[in-house]
Amino acid sequence: MVYVTTNLTIMILKKISEPIEPSVKFITYDIGLASALVTLGYSLWDVDKTNFKKSQFIFKRDELIDKMINDYWDDKLNLPARSLLDNQKMLKNRLYSVMA
C-alpha cells in the first residue's frame, strides 16, 4: 500500500490481486491525465510496465470517468494545483522506483 498525503485528501492506492475485467478498465499512457484522475479521487488499479518505453496507467471505469476525461481534454477541470503536482510526482516515483 502506498499512502499519498495532500492537504485536501489522503489517497490510498493499492494493487488489487483479483483481475479487473477489460470492459471496466480505463487505460491511459498519459501521466497528466492519470495525475488528474488520481487528484479527482480515482484509485489507480495498476501500472503496467511490460513495455520499457511506455507505461499504462490502469483505472477502474465508472459512470463518471468518461466525463472527467473529456473535461480534462477540453481543459474544463479545475483542480488544486499542488495536489495535482503532488500526484504527478507520486506517479513518476512509482514508475521509476520499480522495474518491470
PDB file of N, CA and C in Angstrom:
ATOM      1  N   MET A   1       0.828  -1.174   0.000  1.00  0.00           N
ATOM      2  CA  MET A   1       0.000   0.000   0.000  1.00  0.00           C
ATOM      3  C   MET A   1       0.877   1.243   0.000  1.00  0.00           C
ATOM      4  N   VAL A   2       0.485   2.216  -0.776  1.00  0.00           N
ATOM      5  CA  VAL A   2       1.204   3.478  -0.823  1.00  0.00           C
ATOM      6  C   VAL A   2       0.267   4.560  -0.325  1.00  0.00           C
ATOM      7  N   TYR A   3       0.696   5.321   0.663  1.00  0.00           N
ATOM      8  CA  TYR A   3      -0.112   6.409   1.184  1.00  0.00           C
ATOM      9  C   TYR A   3       0.436   7.724   0.638  1.00  0.00           C
ATOM     10  N   VAL A   4      -0.420   8.476  -0.012  1.00  0.00           N
ATOM     11  CA  VAL A   4      -0.032   9.772  -0.545  1.00  0.00           C
ATOM     12  C   VAL A   4      -0.860  10.813   0.177  1.00  0.00           C
ATOM     13  N   THR A   5      -0.197  11.730   0.848  1.00  0.00           N
ATOM     14  CA  THR A   5      -0.909  12.733   1.619  1.00  0.00           C
ATOM     15  C   THR A   5      -0.869  14.055   0.878  1.00  0.00           C
ATOM     16  N   THR A   6      -2.031  14.647   0.682  1.00  0.00           N
ATOM     17  CA  THR A   6      -2.118  16.004   0.167  1.00  0.00           C
ATOM     18  C   THR A   6      -2.839  16.823   1.214  1.00  0.00           C
ATOM     19  N   ASN A   7      -2.879  18.133   1.024  1.00  0.00           N
ATOM     20  CA  ASN A   7      -3.535  18.964   2.016  1.00  0.00           C
ATOM     21  C   ASN A   7      -5.050  18.817   1.967  1.00  0.00           C
ATOM     22  N   LEU A   8      -5.610  18.202   0.926  1.00  0.00           N
ATOM     23  CA  LEU A   8      -7.054  18.058   0.825  1.00  0.00           C
ATOM     24  C   LEU A   8      -7.548  16.661   1.183  1.00  0.00           C
ATOM     25  N   THR A   9      -6.813  15.658   0.769  1.00  0.00           N
ATOM     26  CA  THR A   9      -7.287  14.295   0.983  1.00  0.00           C
ATOM     27  C   THR A   9      -6.128  13.369   1.263  1.00  0.00           C
ATOM     28  N   ILE A  10      -6.458  12.201   1.734  1.00  0.00           N
ATOM     29  CA  ILE A  10      -5.478  11.125   1.852  1.00  0.00           C
ATOM     30  C   ILE A  10      -5.910  10.052   0.873  1.00  0.00           C
ATOM     31  N   MET A  11      -5.050   9.800  -0.098  1.00  0.00           N
ATOM     32  CA  MET A  11      -5.352   8.809  -1.125  1.00  0.00           C
ATOM     33  C   MET A  11      -4.677   7.497  -0.740  1.00  0.00           C
ATOM     34  N   ILE A  12      -5.396   6.418  -0.851  1.00  0.00           N
ATOM     35  CA  ILE A  12      -4.819   5.105  -0.622  1.00  0.00           C
ATOM     36  C   ILE A  12      -4.866   4.375  -1.950  1.00  0.00           C
ATOM     37  N   LEU A  13      -3.687   4.090  -2.476  1.00  0.00           N
ATOM     38  CA  LEU A  13      -3.589   3.396  -3.743  1.00  0.00           C
ATOM     39  C   LEU A  13      -3.085   1.990  -3.467  1.00  0.00           C
ATOM     40  N   LYS A  14      -3.730   1.022  -4.061  1.00  0.00           N
ATOM     41  CA  LYS A  14      -3.256  -0.336  -3.863  1.00  0.00           C
ATOM     42  C   LYS A  14      -3.517  -1.153  -5.117  1.00  0.00           C
ATOM     43  N   LYS A  15      -2.649  -2.065  -5.347  1.00  0.00           N
ATOM     44  CA  LYS A  15      -2.843  -3.007  -6.438  1.00  0.00           C
ATOM     45  C   LYS A  15      -3.690  -4.143  -5.880  1.00  0.00           C
ATOM     46  N   ILE A  16      -4.809  -4.367  -6.498  1.00  0.00           N
ATOM     47  CA  ILE A  16      -5.741  -5.390  -6.028  1.00  0.00           C
ATOM     48  C   ILE A  16      -5.414  -6.690  -6.739  1.00  0.00           C
ATOM     49  N   SER A  17      -5.354  -7.775  -6.002  1.00  0.00           N
ATOM     50  CA  SER A  17      -4.886  -9.036  -6.555  1.00  0.00           C
ATOM     51  C   SER A  17      -5.870  -9.674  -7.533  1.00  0.00           C
ATOM     52  N   GLU A  18      -7.152  -9.413  -7.378  1.00  0.00           N
ATOM     53  CA  GLU A  18      -8.101 -10.025  -8.310  1.00  0.00           C
ATOM     54  C   GLU A  18      -8.089  -9.262  -9.635  1.00  0.00           C
ATOM     55  N   PRO A  19      -8.224  -9.978 -10.746  1.00  0.00           N
ATOM     56  CA  PRO A  19      -8.139  -9.320 -12.056  1.00  0.00           C
ATOM     57  C   PRO A  19      -9.331  -8.406 -12.312  1.00  0.00           C
ATOM     58  N   ILE A  20      -9.086  -7.385 -13.110  1.00  0.00           N
ATOM     59  CA  ILE A  20     -10.139  -6.455 -13.490  1.00  0.00           C
ATOM     60  C   ILE A  20     -10.576  -6.810 -14.907  1.00  0.00           C
ATOM     61  N   GLU A  21     -11.874  -6.842 -15.139  1.00  0.00           N
ATOM     62  CA  GLU A  21     -12.393  -7.194 -16.457  1.00  0.00           C
ATOM     63  C   GLU A  21     -12.063  -6.101 -17.463  1.00  0.00           C
ATOM     64  N   PRO A  22     -11.720  -6.475 -18.697  1.00  0.00           N
ATOM     65  CA  PRO A  22     -11.380  -5.469 -19.712  1.00  0.00           C
ATOM     66  C   PRO A  22     -12.484  -4.445 -19.961  1.00  0.00           C
ATOM     67  N   SER A  23     -13.738  -4.841 -19.791  1.00  0.00           N
ATOM     68  CA  SER A  23     -14.847  -3.923 -20.053  1.00  0.00           C
ATOM     69  C   SER A  23     -14.951  -2.817 -19.001  1.00  0.00           C
ATOM     70  N   VAL A  24     -14.343  -2.999 -17.853  1.00  0.00           N
ATOM     71  CA  VAL A  24     -14.410  -1.973 -16.807  1.00  0.00           C
ATOM     72  C   VAL A  24     -13.064  -1.295 -16.574  1.00  0.00           C
ATOM     73  N   LYS A  25     -12.120  -1.515 -17.479  1.00  0.00           N
ATOM     74  CA  LYS A  25     -10.819  -0.870 -17.380  1.00  0.00           C
ATOM     75  C   LYS A  25     -10.820   0.438 -18.148  1.00  0.00           C
ATOM     76  N   PHE A  26     -10.102   1.416 -17.610  1.00  0.00           N
ATOM     77  CA  PHE A  26      -9.727   2.576 -18.404  1.00  0.00           C
ATOM     78  C   PHE A  26      -8.210   2.629 -18.358  1.00  0.00           C
ATOM     79  N   ILE A  27      -7.591   2.653 -19.534  1.00  0.00           N
ATOM     80  CA  ILE A  27      -6.137   2.639 -19.640  1.00  0.00           C
ATOM     81  C   ILE A  27      -5.682   3.904 -20.352  1.00  0.00           C
ATOM     82  N   THR A  28      -4.657   4.540 -19.805  1.00  0.00           N
ATOM     83  CA  THR A  28      -4.052   5.698 -20.456  1.00  0.00           C
ATOM     84  C   THR A  28      -2.538   5.612 -20.328  1.00  0.00           C
ATOM     85  N   TYR A  29      -1.860   6.151 -21.325  1.00  0.00           N
ATOM     86  CA  TYR A  29      -0.411   6.294 -21.274  1.00  0.00           C
ATOM     87  C   TYR A  29      -0.029   7.695 -20.794  1.00  0.00           C
ATOM     88  N   ASP A  30      -0.999   8.583 -20.686  1.00  0.00           N
ATOM     89  CA  ASP A  30      -0.759   9.998 -20.395  1.00  0.00           C
ATOM     90  C   ASP A  30      -0.648  10.232 -18.890  1.00  0.00           C
ATOM     91  N   ILE A  31       0.537  10.635 -18.429  1.00  0.00           N
ATOM     92  CA  ILE A  31       0.745  10.835 -16.997  1.00  0.00           C
ATOM     93  C   ILE A  31      -0.030  12.048 -16.487  1.00  0.00           C
ATOM     94  N   GLY A  32      -0.256  13.041 -17.339  1.00  0.00           N
ATOM     95  CA  GLY A  32      -1.045  14.200 -16.933  1.00  0.00           C
ATOM     96  C   GLY A  32      -2.485  13.823 -16.647  1.00  0.00           C
ATOM     97  N   LEU A  33      -3.071  13.023 -17.541  1.00  0.00           N
ATOM     98  CA  LEU A  33      -4.443  12.553 -17.339  1.00  0.00           C
ATOM     99  C   LEU A  33      -4.526  11.652 -16.114  1.00  0.00           C
ATOM    100  N   ALA A  34      -3.551  10.753 -15.965  1.00  0.00           N
ATOM    101  CA  ALA A  34      -3.542   9.868 -14.794  1.00  0.00           C
ATOM    102  C   ALA A  34      -3.443  10.683 -13.506  1.00  0.00           C
ATOM    103  N   SER A  35      -2.619  11.728 -13.505  1.00  0.00           N
ATOM    104  CA  SER A  35      -2.486  12.595 -12.329  1.00  0.00           C
ATOM    105  C   SER A  35      -3.804  13.289 -12.012  1.00  0.00           C
ATOM    106  N   ALA A  36      -4.487  13.755 -13.054  1.00  0.00           N
ATOM    107  CA  ALA A  36      -5.777  14.419 -12.856  1.00  0.00           C
ATOM    108  C   ALA A  36      -6.800  13.443 -12.281  1.00  0.00           C
ATOM    109  N   LEU A  37      -6.833  12.217 -12.793  1.00  0.00           N
ATOM    110  CA  LEU A  37      -7.799  11.233 -12.286  1.00  0.00           C
ATOM    111  C   LEU A  37      -7.528  10.893 -10.821  1.00  0.00           C
ATOM    112  N   VAL A  38      -6.255  10.740 -10.455  1.00  0.00           N
ATOM    113  CA  VAL A  38      -5.925  10.467  -9.047  1.00  0.00           C
ATOM    114  C   VAL A  38      -6.341  11.654  -8.181  1.00  0.00           C
ATOM    115  N   THR A  39      -6.110  12.864  -8.668  1.00  0.00           N
ATOM    116  CA  THR A  39      -6.491  14.068  -7.918  1.00  0.00           C
ATOM    117  C   THR A  39      -8.006  14.143  -7.743  1.00  0.00           C
ATOM    118  N   LEU A  40      -8.745  13.649  -8.731  1.00  0.00           N
ATOM    119  CA  LEU A  40     -10.207  13.625  -8.646  1.00  0.00           C
ATOM    120  C   LEU A  40     -10.721  12.526  -7.716  1.00  0.00           C
ATOM    121  N   GLY A  41      -9.827  11.651  -7.249  1.00  0.00           N
ATOM    122  CA  GLY A  41     -10.235  10.610  -6.299  1.00  0.00           C
ATOM    123  C   GLY A  41     -10.331   9.215  -6.879  1.00  0.00           C
ATOM    124  N   TYR A  42      -9.961   9.051  -8.144  1.00  0.00           N
ATOM    125  CA  TYR A  42      -9.984   7.714  -8.733  1.00  0.00           C
ATOM    126  C   TYR A  42      -8.778   6.924  -8.251  1.00  0.00           C
ATOM    127  N   SER A  43      -9.004   5.666  -7.902  1.00  0.00           N
ATOM    128  CA  SER A  43      -7.912   4.805  -7.452  1.00  0.00           C
ATOM    129  C   SER A  43      -7.195   4.208  -8.642  1.00  0.00           C
ATOM    130  N   LEU A  44      -5.893   4.298  -8.598  1.00  0.00           N
ATOM    131  CA  LEU A  44      -5.070   3.683  -9.620  1.00  0.00           C
ATOM    132  C   LEU A  44      -5.058   2.190  -9.376  1.00  0.00           C
ATOM    133  N   TRP A  45      -5.552   1.423 -10.326  1.00  0.00           N
ATOM    134  CA  TRP A  45      -5.644  -0.030 -10.170  1.00  0.00           C
ATOM    135  C   TRP A  45      -4.272  -0.666 -10.303  1.00  0.00           C
ATOM    136  N   ASP A  46      -3.543  -0.235 -11.347  1.00  0.00           N
ATOM    137  CA  ASP A  46      -2.244  -0.840 -11.611  1.00  0.00           C
ATOM    138  C   ASP A  46      -1.459   0.044 -12.575  1.00  0.00           C
ATOM    139  N   VAL A  47      -0.164  -0.164 -12.614  1.00  0.00           N
ATOM    140  CA  VAL A  47       0.696   0.430 -13.624  1.00  0.00           C
ATOM    141  C   VAL A  47       1.350  -0.728 -14.355  1.00  0.00           C
ATOM    142  N   ASP A  48       1.046  -0.848 -15.644  1.00  0.00           N
ATOM    143  CA  ASP A  48       1.605  -1.920 -16.462  1.00  0.00           C
ATOM    144  C   ASP A  48       2.881  -1.401 -17.112  1.00  0.00           C
ATOM    145  N   LYS A  49       4.005  -1.976 -16.710  1.00  0.00           N
ATOM    146  CA  LYS A  49       5.296  -1.531 -17.221  1.00  0.00           C
ATOM    147  C   LYS A  49       5.961  -2.625 -18.054  1.00  0.00           C
ATOM    148  N   THR A  50       5.180  -3.452 -18.725  1.00  0.00           N
ATOM    149  CA  THR A  50       5.765  -4.524 -19.527  1.00  0.00           C
ATOM    150  C   THR A  50       6.502  -3.979 -20.743  1.00  0.00           C
ATOM    151  N   ASN A  51       6.076  -2.838 -21.270  1.00  0.00           N
ATOM    152  CA  ASN A  51       6.781  -2.160 -22.349  1.00  0.00           C
ATOM    153  C   ASN A  51       7.741  -1.166 -21.693  1.00  0.00           C
ATOM    154  N   PHE A  52       9.038  -1.309 -21.951  1.00  0.00           N
ATOM    155  CA  PHE A  52      10.032  -0.471 -21.277  1.00  0.00           C
ATOM    156  C   PHE A  52       9.960   0.992 -21.710  1.00  0.00           C
ATOM    157  N   LYS A  53       9.375   1.281 -22.864  1.00  0.00           N
ATOM    158  CA  LYS A  53       9.299   2.659 -23.348  1.00  0.00           C
ATOM    159  C   LYS A  53       8.022   3.364 -22.931  1.00  0.00           C
ATOM    160  N   LYS A  54       6.976   2.607 -22.638  1.00  0.00           N
ATOM    161  CA  LYS A  54       5.684   3.197 -22.270  1.00  0.00           C
ATOM    162  C   LYS A  54       5.093   2.426 -21.103  1.00  0.00           C
ATOM    163  N   SER A  55       4.449   3.147 -20.226  1.00  0.00           N
ATOM    164  CA  SER A  55       3.731   2.517 -19.112  1.00  0.00           C
ATOM    165  C   SER A  55       2.256   2.847 -19.223  1.00  0.00           C
ATOM    166  N   GLN A  56       1.427   1.870 -18.870  1.00  0.00           N
ATOM    167  CA  GLN A  56      -0.014   2.067 -18.892  1.00  0.00           C
ATOM    168  C   GLN A  56      -0.500   2.289 -17.465  1.00  0.00           C
ATOM    169  N   PHE A  57      -1.282   3.349 -17.296  1.00  0.00           N
ATOM    170  CA  PHE A  57      -1.947   3.598 -16.015  1.00  0.00           C
ATOM    171  C   PHE A  57      -3.352   3.035 -16.144  1.00  0.00           C
ATOM    172  N   ILE A  58      -3.712   2.129 -15.256  1.00  0.00           N
ATOM    173  CA  ILE A  58      -4.991   1.415 -15.354  1.00  0.00           C
ATOM    174  C   ILE A  58      -5.883   1.829 -14.196  1.00  0.00           C
ATOM    175  N   PHE A  59      -7.079   2.287 -14.552  1.00  0.00           N
ATOM    176  CA  PHE A  59      -8.099   2.695 -13.584  1.00  0.00           C
ATOM    177  C   PHE A  59      -9.339   1.854 -13.803  1.00  0.00           C
ATOM    178  N   LYS A  60     -10.140   1.720 -12.776  1.00  0.00           N
ATOM    179  CA  LYS A  60     -11.426   1.042 -12.904  1.00  0.00           C
ATOM    180  C   LYS A  60     -12.450   2.057 -13.412  1.00  0.00           C
ATOM    181  N   ARG A  61     -13.106   1.712 -14.506  1.00  0.00           N
ATOM    182  CA  ARG A  61     -14.074   2.606 -15.146  1.00  0.00           C
ATOM    183  C   ARG A  61     -15.348   2.681 -14.310  1.00  0.00           C
ATOM    184  N   ASP A  62     -15.902   3.888 -14.199  1.00  0.00           N
ATOM    185  CA  ASP A  62     -17.226   4.066 -13.604  1.00  0.00           C
ATOM    186  C   ASP A  62     -18.045   4.971 -14.509  1.00  0.00           C
ATOM    187  N   GLU A  63     -19.234   5.330 -14.055  1.00  0.00           N
ATOM    188  CA  GLU A  63     -20.151   6.092 -14.919  1.00  0.00           C
ATOM    189  C   GLU A  63     -19.698   7.531 -15.158  1.00  0.00           C
ATOM    190  N   LEU A  64     -18.822   8.068 -14.330  1.00  0.00           N
ATOM    191  CA  LEU A  64     -18.394   9.467 -14.481  1.00  0.00           C
ATOM    192  C   LEU A  64     -17.004   9.645 -15.079  1.00  0.00           C
ATOM    193  N   ILE A  65     -16.230   8.585 -15.177  1.00  0.00           N
ATOM    194  CA  ILE A  65     -14.840   8.746 -15.602  1.00  0.00           C
ATOM    195  C   ILE A  65     -14.736   9.292 -17.027  1.00  0.00           C
ATOM    196  N   ASP A  66     -15.640   8.881 -17.918  1.00  0.00           N
ATOM    197  CA  ASP A  66     -15.581   9.378 -19.295  1.00  0.00           C
ATOM    198  C   ASP A  66     -15.815  10.884 -19.354  1.00  0.00           C
ATOM    199  N   LYS A  67     -16.721  11.398 -18.521  1.00  0.00           N
ATOM    200  CA  LYS A  67     -16.956  12.838 -18.476  1.00  0.00           C
ATOM    201  C   LYS A  67     -15.730  13.568 -17.947  1.00  0.00           C
ATOM    202  N   MET A  68     -15.091  13.007 -16.926  1.00  0.00           N
ATOM    203  CA  MET A  68     -13.889  13.630 -16.367  1.00  0.00           C
ATOM    204  C   MET A  68     -12.757  13.643 -17.399  1.00  0.00           C
ATOM    205  N   ILE A  69     -12.635  12.576 -18.171  1.00  0.00           N
ATOM    206  CA  ILE A  69     -11.602  12.507 -19.209  1.00  0.00           C
ATOM    207  C   ILE A  69     -11.870  13.556 -20.281  1.00  0.00           C
ATOM    208  N   ASN A  70     -13.118  13.662 -20.715  1.00  0.00           N
ATOM    209  CA  ASN A  70     -13.467  14.678 -21.715  1.00  0.00           C
ATOM    210  C   ASN A  70     -13.229  16.085 -21.178  1.00  0.00           C
ATOM    211  N   ASP A  71     -13.571  16.303 -19.911  1.00  0.00           N
ATOM    212  CA  ASP A  71     -13.318  17.616 -19.297  1.00  0.00           C
ATOM    213  C   ASP A  71     -11.821  17.911 -19.232  1.00  0.00           C
ATOM    214  N   TYR A  72     -11.021  16.893 -18.981  1.00  0.00           N
ATOM    215  CA  TYR A  72      -9.566  17.074 -18.959  1.00  0.00           C
ATOM    216  C   TYR A  72      -9.072  17.526 -20.338  1.00  0.00           C
ATOM    217  N   TRP A  73      -9.481  16.819 -21.389  1.00  0.00           N
ATOM    218  CA  TRP A  73      -9.015  17.147 -22.738  1.00  0.00           C
ATOM    219  C   TRP A  73      -9.601  18.467 -23.238  1.00  0.00           C
ATOM    220  N   ASP A  74     -10.773  18.849 -22.734  1.00  0.00           N
ATOM    221  CA  ASP A  74     -11.384  20.134 -23.113  1.00  0.00           C
ATOM    222  C   ASP A  74     -10.909  21.284 -22.220  1.00  0.00           C
ATOM    223  N   ASP A  75      -9.997  21.002 -21.308  1.00  0.00           N
ATOM    224  CA  ASP A  75      -9.436  21.995 -20.389  1.00  0.00           C
ATOM    225  C   ASP A  75     -10.513  22.636 -19.512  1.00  0.00           C
ATOM    226  N   LYS A  76     -11.438  21.804 -19.022  1.00  0.00           N
ATOM    227  CA  LYS A  76     -12.534  22.289 -18.187  1.00  0.00           C
ATOM    228  C   LYS A  76     -12.421  21.859 -16.727  1.00  0.00           C
ATOM    229  N   LEU A  77     -11.381  21.113 -16.382  1.00  0.00           N
ATOM    230  CA  LEU A  77     -11.224  20.676 -14.996  1.00  0.00           C
ATOM    231  C   LEU A  77     -10.566  21.770 -14.172  1.00  0.00           C
ATOM    232  N   ASN A  78     -11.077  21.986 -12.988  1.00  0.00           N
ATOM    233  CA  ASN A  78     -10.452  22.888 -12.027  1.00  0.00           C
ATOM    234  C   ASN A  78      -9.970  22.033 -10.864  1.00  0.00           C
ATOM    235  N   LEU A  79      -8.651  21.891 -10.771  1.00  0.00           N
ATOM    236  CA  LEU A  79      -8.065  21.043  -9.742  1.00  0.00           C
ATOM    237  C   LEU A  79      -7.076  21.854  -8.916  1.00  0.00           C
ATOM    238  N   PRO A  80      -6.915  21.497  -7.640  1.00  0.00           N
ATOM    239  CA  PRO A  80      -5.900  22.168  -6.822  1.00  0.00           C
ATOM    240  C   PRO A  80      -4.506  21.889  -7.398  1.00  0.00           C
ATOM    241  N   ALA A  81      -3.783  22.938  -7.731  1.00  0.00           N
ATOM    242  CA  ALA A  81      -2.500  22.792  -8.420  1.00  0.00           C
ATOM    243  C   ALA A  81      -1.505  21.950  -7.624  1.00  0.00           C
ATOM    244  N   ARG A  82      -1.400  22.221  -6.345  1.00  0.00           N
ATOM    245  CA  ARG A  82      -0.422  21.487  -5.539  1.00  0.00           C
ATOM    246  C   ARG A  82      -0.759  20.002  -5.458  1.00  0.00           C
ATOM    247  N   SER A  83      -2.030  19.681  -5.297  1.00  0.00           N
ATOM    248  CA  SER A  83      -2.445  18.275  -5.250  1.00  0.00           C
ATOM    249  C   SER A  83      -2.153  17.581  -6.573  1.00  0.00           C
ATOM    250  N   LEU A  84      -2.438  18.272  -7.670  1.00  0.00           N
ATOM    251  CA  LEU A  84      -2.177  17.704  -8.992  1.00  0.00           C
ATOM    252  C   LEU A  84      -0.683  17.412  -9.166  1.00  0.00           C
ATOM    253  N   LEU A  85       0.162  18.358  -8.803  1.00  0.00           N
ATOM    254  CA  LEU A  85       1.605  18.160  -8.945  1.00  0.00           C
ATOM    255  C   LEU A  85       2.139  17.107  -7.982  1.00  0.00           C
ATOM    256  N   ASP A  86       1.596  17.066  -6.767  1.00  0.00           N
ATOM    257  CA  ASP A  86       1.996  16.021  -5.816  1.00  0.00           C
ATOM    258  C   ASP A  86       1.647  14.636  -6.364  1.00  0.00           C
ATOM    259  N   ASN A  87       0.461  14.512  -6.956  1.00  0.00           N
ATOM    260  CA  ASN A  87       0.052  13.224  -7.511  1.00  0.00           C
ATOM    261  C   ASN A  87       0.876  12.857  -8.735  1.00  0.00           C
ATOM    262  N   GLN A  88       1.244  13.840  -9.542  1.00  0.00           N
ATOM    263  CA  GLN A  88       2.102  13.556 -10.699  1.00  0.00           C
ATOM    264  C   GLN A  88       3.479  13.076 -10.226  1.00  0.00           C
ATOM    265  N   LYS A  89       4.001  13.707  -9.190  1.00  0.00           N
ATOM    266  CA  LYS A  89       5.288  13.285  -8.627  1.00  0.00           C
ATOM    267  C   LYS A  89       5.194  11.865  -8.082  1.00  0.00           C
ATOM    268  N   MET A  90       4.094  11.549  -7.401  1.00  0.00           N
ATOM    269  CA  MET A  90       3.892  10.202  -6.871  1.00  0.00           C
ATOM    270  C   MET A  90       3.869   9.179  -7.997  1.00  0.00           C
ATOM    271  N   LEU A  91       3.181   9.495  -9.105  1.00  0.00           N
ATOM    272  CA  LEU A  91       3.124   8.565 -10.231  1.00  0.00           C
ATOM    273  C   LEU A  91       4.505   8.380 -10.853  1.00  0.00           C
ATOM    274  N   LYS A  92       5.255   9.443 -10.989  1.00  0.00           N
ATOM    275  CA  LYS A  92       6.614   9.326 -11.529  1.00  0.00           C
ATOM    276  C   LYS A  92       7.488   8.478 -10.600  1.00  0.00           C
ATOM    277  N   ASN A  93       7.376   8.698  -9.310  1.00  0.00           N
ATOM    278  CA  ASN A  93       8.138   7.881  -8.356  1.00  0.00           C
ATOM    279  C   ASN A  93       7.749   6.415  -8.483  1.00  0.00           C
ATOM    280  N   ARG A  94       6.471   6.163  -8.667  1.00  0.00           N
ATOM    281  CA  ARG A  94       6.008   4.784  -8.816  1.00  0.00           C
ATOM    282  C   ARG A  94       6.546   4.165 -10.102  1.00  0.00           C
ATOM    283  N   LEU A  95       6.639   4.956 -11.150  1.00  0.00           N
ATOM    284  CA  LEU A  95       7.163   4.457 -12.419  1.00  0.00           C
ATOM    285  C   LEU A  95       8.637   4.060 -12.304  1.00  0.00           C
ATOM    286  N   TYR A  96       9.424   4.917 -11.674  1.00  0.00           N
ATOM    287  CA  TYR A  96      10.870   4.744 -11.684  1.00  0.00           C
ATOM    288  C   TYR A  96      11.406   3.973 -10.493  1.00  0.00           C
ATOM    289  N   SER A  97      10.585   3.701  -9.497  1.00  0.00           N
ATOM    290  CA  SER A  97      11.082   3.008  -8.314  1.00  0.00           C
ATOM    291  C   SER A  97      11.032   1.493  -8.444  1.00  0.00           C
ATOM    292  N   VAL A  98      10.222   0.986  -9.365  1.00  0.00           N
ATOM    293  CA  VAL A  98      10.069  -0.462  -9.514  1.00  0.00           C
ATOM    294  C   VAL A  98      10.351  -0.823 -10.961  1.00  0.00           C
ATOM    295  N   MET A  99      11.196  -1.778 -11.148  1.00  0.00           N
ATOM    296  CA  MET A  99      11.484  -2.247 -12.501  1.00  0.00           C
ATOM    297  C   MET A  99      10.439  -3.278 -12.897  1.00  0.00           C
ATOM    298  N   ALA A 100      10.044  -3.276 -14.173  1.00  0.00           N
ATOM    299  CA  ALA A 100       9.034  -4.210 -14.674  1.00  0.00           C
ATOM    300  C   ALA A 100       9.542  -5.618 -14.642  1.00  0.00           C
TER     301      ALA A 100
END
